[in-house]
N, C-alpha and C. Protein backbone atom coordinates (compact mmCIF):
# COMPACT_ATOMS: atom_id res chain seq x y z
N MET A 1 -5.01 -9.23 40.67
CA MET A 1 -6.08 -8.45 41.69
C MET A 1 -6.12 -8.44 42.56
N LEU A 2 -6.62 -7.43 43.41
CA LEU A 2 -6.69 -7.85 44.69
C LEU A 2 -7.16 -8.23 45.80
N ALA A 3 -6.50 -9.13 46.54
CA ALA A 3 -6.96 -10.18 47.31
C ALA A 3 -7.67 -9.38 48.47
N MET A 4 -8.67 -8.95 48.54
CA MET A 4 -9.87 -8.10 49.52
C MET A 4 -10.78 -8.98 50.30
N ALA A 5 -10.86 -8.98 51.62
CA ALA A 5 -11.49 -9.12 52.99
C ALA A 5 -13.35 -8.32 53.16
N GLU A 6 -13.93 -9.91 52.66
CA GLU A 6 -15.36 -9.24 53.10
C GLU A 6 -15.60 -8.48 53.84
N LYS A 7 -15.97 -7.73 53.85
CA LYS A 7 -16.71 -6.04 55.05
C LYS A 7 -18.01 -7.43 55.64
N SER A 8 -18.00 -7.06 56.50
CA SER A 8 -19.04 -7.42 57.69
C SER A 8 -20.00 -6.39 57.56
N THR A 9 -21.64 -7.58 57.84
CA THR A 9 -22.42 -7.17 57.03
C THR A 9 -23.62 -6.68 58.90
N ASP A 10 -22.82 -6.82 59.49
CA ASP A 10 -23.51 -6.95 61.00
C ASP A 10 -23.89 -5.34 61.11
N TYR A 11 -24.47 -4.97 60.69
CA TYR A 11 -25.31 -3.28 60.53
C TYR A 11 -26.34 -3.21 62.02
N GLU A 12 -26.68 -4.46 62.49
CA GLU A 12 -27.21 -3.99 63.93
C GLU A 12 -25.99 -3.95 65.00
N HIS A 13 -25.04 -4.26 65.31
CA HIS A 13 -23.81 -3.63 65.68
C HIS A 13 -23.82 -2.31 65.85
N ASP A 14 -23.48 -1.93 64.69
CA ASP A 14 -23.07 -0.93 65.01
C ASP A 14 -24.38 0.52 64.96
N ILE A 15 -25.44 0.46 64.79
CA ILE A 15 -26.28 0.88 65.35
C ILE A 15 -26.59 0.78 66.61
N THR A 16 -26.50 -0.18 67.46
CA THR A 16 -26.59 -0.36 68.57
C THR A 16 -25.04 0.37 69.41
N TYR A 17 -24.22 0.71 68.69
CA TYR A 17 -23.45 0.92 69.57
C TYR A 17 -23.73 2.62 69.13
N TYR A 18 -23.75 2.85 68.19
CA TYR A 18 -24.25 4.45 68.82
C TYR A 18 -25.11 5.15 69.25
N ALA A 19 -26.73 4.42 69.13
CA ALA A 19 -27.81 4.45 69.64
C ALA A 19 -28.26 3.72 71.46
N THR A 20 -27.21 3.98 71.67
CA THR A 20 -27.64 3.50 73.13
C THR A 20 -28.61 4.25 74.61
N ASP A 21 -29.27 4.83 73.58
CA ASP A 21 -30.76 4.88 74.45
C ASP A 21 -31.37 5.13 73.23
N SER A 22 -31.55 4.36 72.36
CA SER A 22 -32.68 4.28 71.51
C SER A 22 -32.99 5.05 70.86
N ARG A 23 -31.93 6.13 70.91
CA ARG A 23 -32.77 7.22 69.95
C ARG A 23 -32.13 7.99 68.70
N LEU A 24 -32.25 7.98 67.38
CA LEU A 24 -31.44 8.58 66.50
C LEU A 24 -30.92 9.89 66.79
N THR A 25 -31.29 10.74 67.17
CA THR A 25 -31.54 12.46 66.71
C THR A 25 -31.56 12.20 68.49
N GLU A 26 -31.16 13.98 68.35
CA GLU A 26 -31.61 14.49 69.99
C GLU A 26 -33.19 15.03 70.06
N PRO A 27 -33.44 14.82 71.17
CA PRO A 27 -34.58 15.31 71.56
C PRO A 27 -35.12 16.71 71.25
N SER A 28 -36.25 17.80 70.62
CA SER A 28 -36.93 18.87 69.74
C SER A 28 -36.05 19.42 71.12
N ASP A 29 -35.90 21.02 70.74
CA ASP A 29 -35.44 21.95 71.93
C ASP A 29 -36.99 22.54 71.63
N GLY A 30 -38.57 22.53 71.22
CA GLY A 30 -38.58 23.13 70.65
C GLY A 30 -38.79 24.41 70.05
N LYS A 31 -37.69 24.94 69.18
CA LYS A 31 -37.51 26.51 68.78
C LYS A 31 -37.81 25.73 67.25
N ARG A 32 -38.12 26.45 67.06
CA ARG A 32 -39.08 26.75 65.21
C ARG A 32 -38.62 27.56 64.32
N TYR A 33 -37.49 27.08 62.52
CA TYR A 33 -37.06 27.91 62.16
C TYR A 33 -37.86 27.81 60.98
N GLU A 34 -37.34 28.41 59.85
CA GLU A 34 -38.02 29.58 58.37
C GLU A 34 -36.72 28.46 57.61
N TRP A 35 -36.94 26.76 57.43
CA TRP A 35 -35.34 26.26 57.41
C TRP A 35 -35.22 26.87 55.48
N ARG A 36 -36.16 26.45 55.10
CA ARG A 36 -36.14 27.22 53.23
C ARG A 36 -35.27 28.58 53.66
N LYS A 37 -35.32 29.04 54.28
CA LYS A 37 -35.53 30.89 53.75
C LYS A 37 -33.52 30.52 54.54
N MET A 38 -33.28 29.46 55.92
CA MET A 38 -32.19 29.27 56.25
C MET A 38 -31.22 28.94 54.97
N VAL A 39 -31.55 27.51 54.38
CA VAL A 39 -31.00 27.09 53.23
C VAL A 39 -30.22 28.01 52.60
N GLU A 40 -31.26 28.73 51.92
CA GLU A 40 -30.85 29.94 50.87
C GLU A 40 -29.83 30.82 51.52
N ARG A 41 -30.15 31.52 52.33
CA ARG A 41 -28.78 32.47 53.26
C ARG A 41 -27.78 31.23 53.51
N SER A 42 -27.63 30.49 53.93
CA SER A 42 -26.29 29.16 54.12
C SER A 42 -26.07 29.29 52.40
N LYS A 43 -26.45 29.74 50.97
CA LYS A 43 -26.15 29.18 50.28
C LYS A 43 -25.44 30.39 49.60
N GLU A 44 -26.10 31.91 50.12
CA GLU A 44 -25.81 32.78 49.75
C GLU A 44 -24.23 33.23 50.12
N LEU A 45 -24.50 32.80 51.64
CA LEU A 45 -22.68 33.27 52.01
C LEU A 45 -21.83 32.44 51.61
N GLY A 46 -22.12 31.16 51.75
CA GLY A 46 -21.52 30.12 51.08
C GLY A 46 -20.60 29.14 52.54
N ARG A 47 -21.18 28.99 53.97
CA ARG A 47 -21.38 29.03 55.00
C ARG A 47 -21.95 28.97 55.44
N PRO A 48 -22.28 27.60 56.65
CA PRO A 48 -23.19 27.66 57.54
C PRO A 48 -23.55 29.08 58.38
N LEU A 49 -25.00 29.02 58.89
CA LEU A 49 -25.00 30.39 59.82
C LEU A 49 -24.47 30.22 60.90
N THR A 50 -24.50 31.21 61.70
CA THR A 50 -23.74 31.17 63.35
C THR A 50 -25.12 30.87 63.94
N GLU A 51 -24.83 31.03 65.05
CA GLU A 51 -26.16 31.14 66.31
C GLU A 51 -27.01 32.18 66.16
N GLU A 52 -26.64 33.26 65.74
CA GLU A 52 -27.12 34.86 65.90
C GLU A 52 -27.73 34.48 64.48
N GLU A 53 -26.86 34.56 63.87
CA GLU A 53 -27.95 34.43 61.78
C GLU A 53 -28.80 33.63 62.38
N ALA A 54 -28.97 32.12 62.82
CA ALA A 54 -30.37 31.31 62.25
C ALA A 54 -31.48 31.74 63.28
N GLU A 55 -30.61 32.66 64.49
CA GLU A 55 -31.94 33.48 65.48
C GLU A 55 -32.87 34.36 64.61
N GLU A 56 -32.40 34.97 63.35
CA GLU A 56 -33.27 35.56 62.61
C GLU A 56 -34.34 35.69 62.21
N PHE A 57 -34.41 34.05 61.84
CA PHE A 57 -34.77 32.70 61.38
C PHE A 57 -36.34 32.03 61.79
N ARG A 58 -36.22 32.52 63.55
CA ARG A 58 -36.55 31.82 64.30
C ARG A 58 -38.21 32.62 63.73
N VAL A 59 -39.22 31.56 64.16
CA VAL A 59 -40.63 31.39 63.89
C VAL A 59 -41.06 31.68 66.43
N GLU A 60 -41.71 32.82 66.04
CA GLU A 60 -41.67 32.78 67.75
C GLU A 60 -43.43 32.51 68.22
């Protein structure tokens, strides 16, 4: 049997290291998109959409 070191369970340190300003995501830019249609197009193409392709699904 292999000897394994116990993994640290200090998750608080991990979160505070990456969330330096208490946000876990970027602030919204106010743009809205038809996400379900975007996901379907991405699946059809087999790759993420480019910025130009994503703009086709933007809701004004």
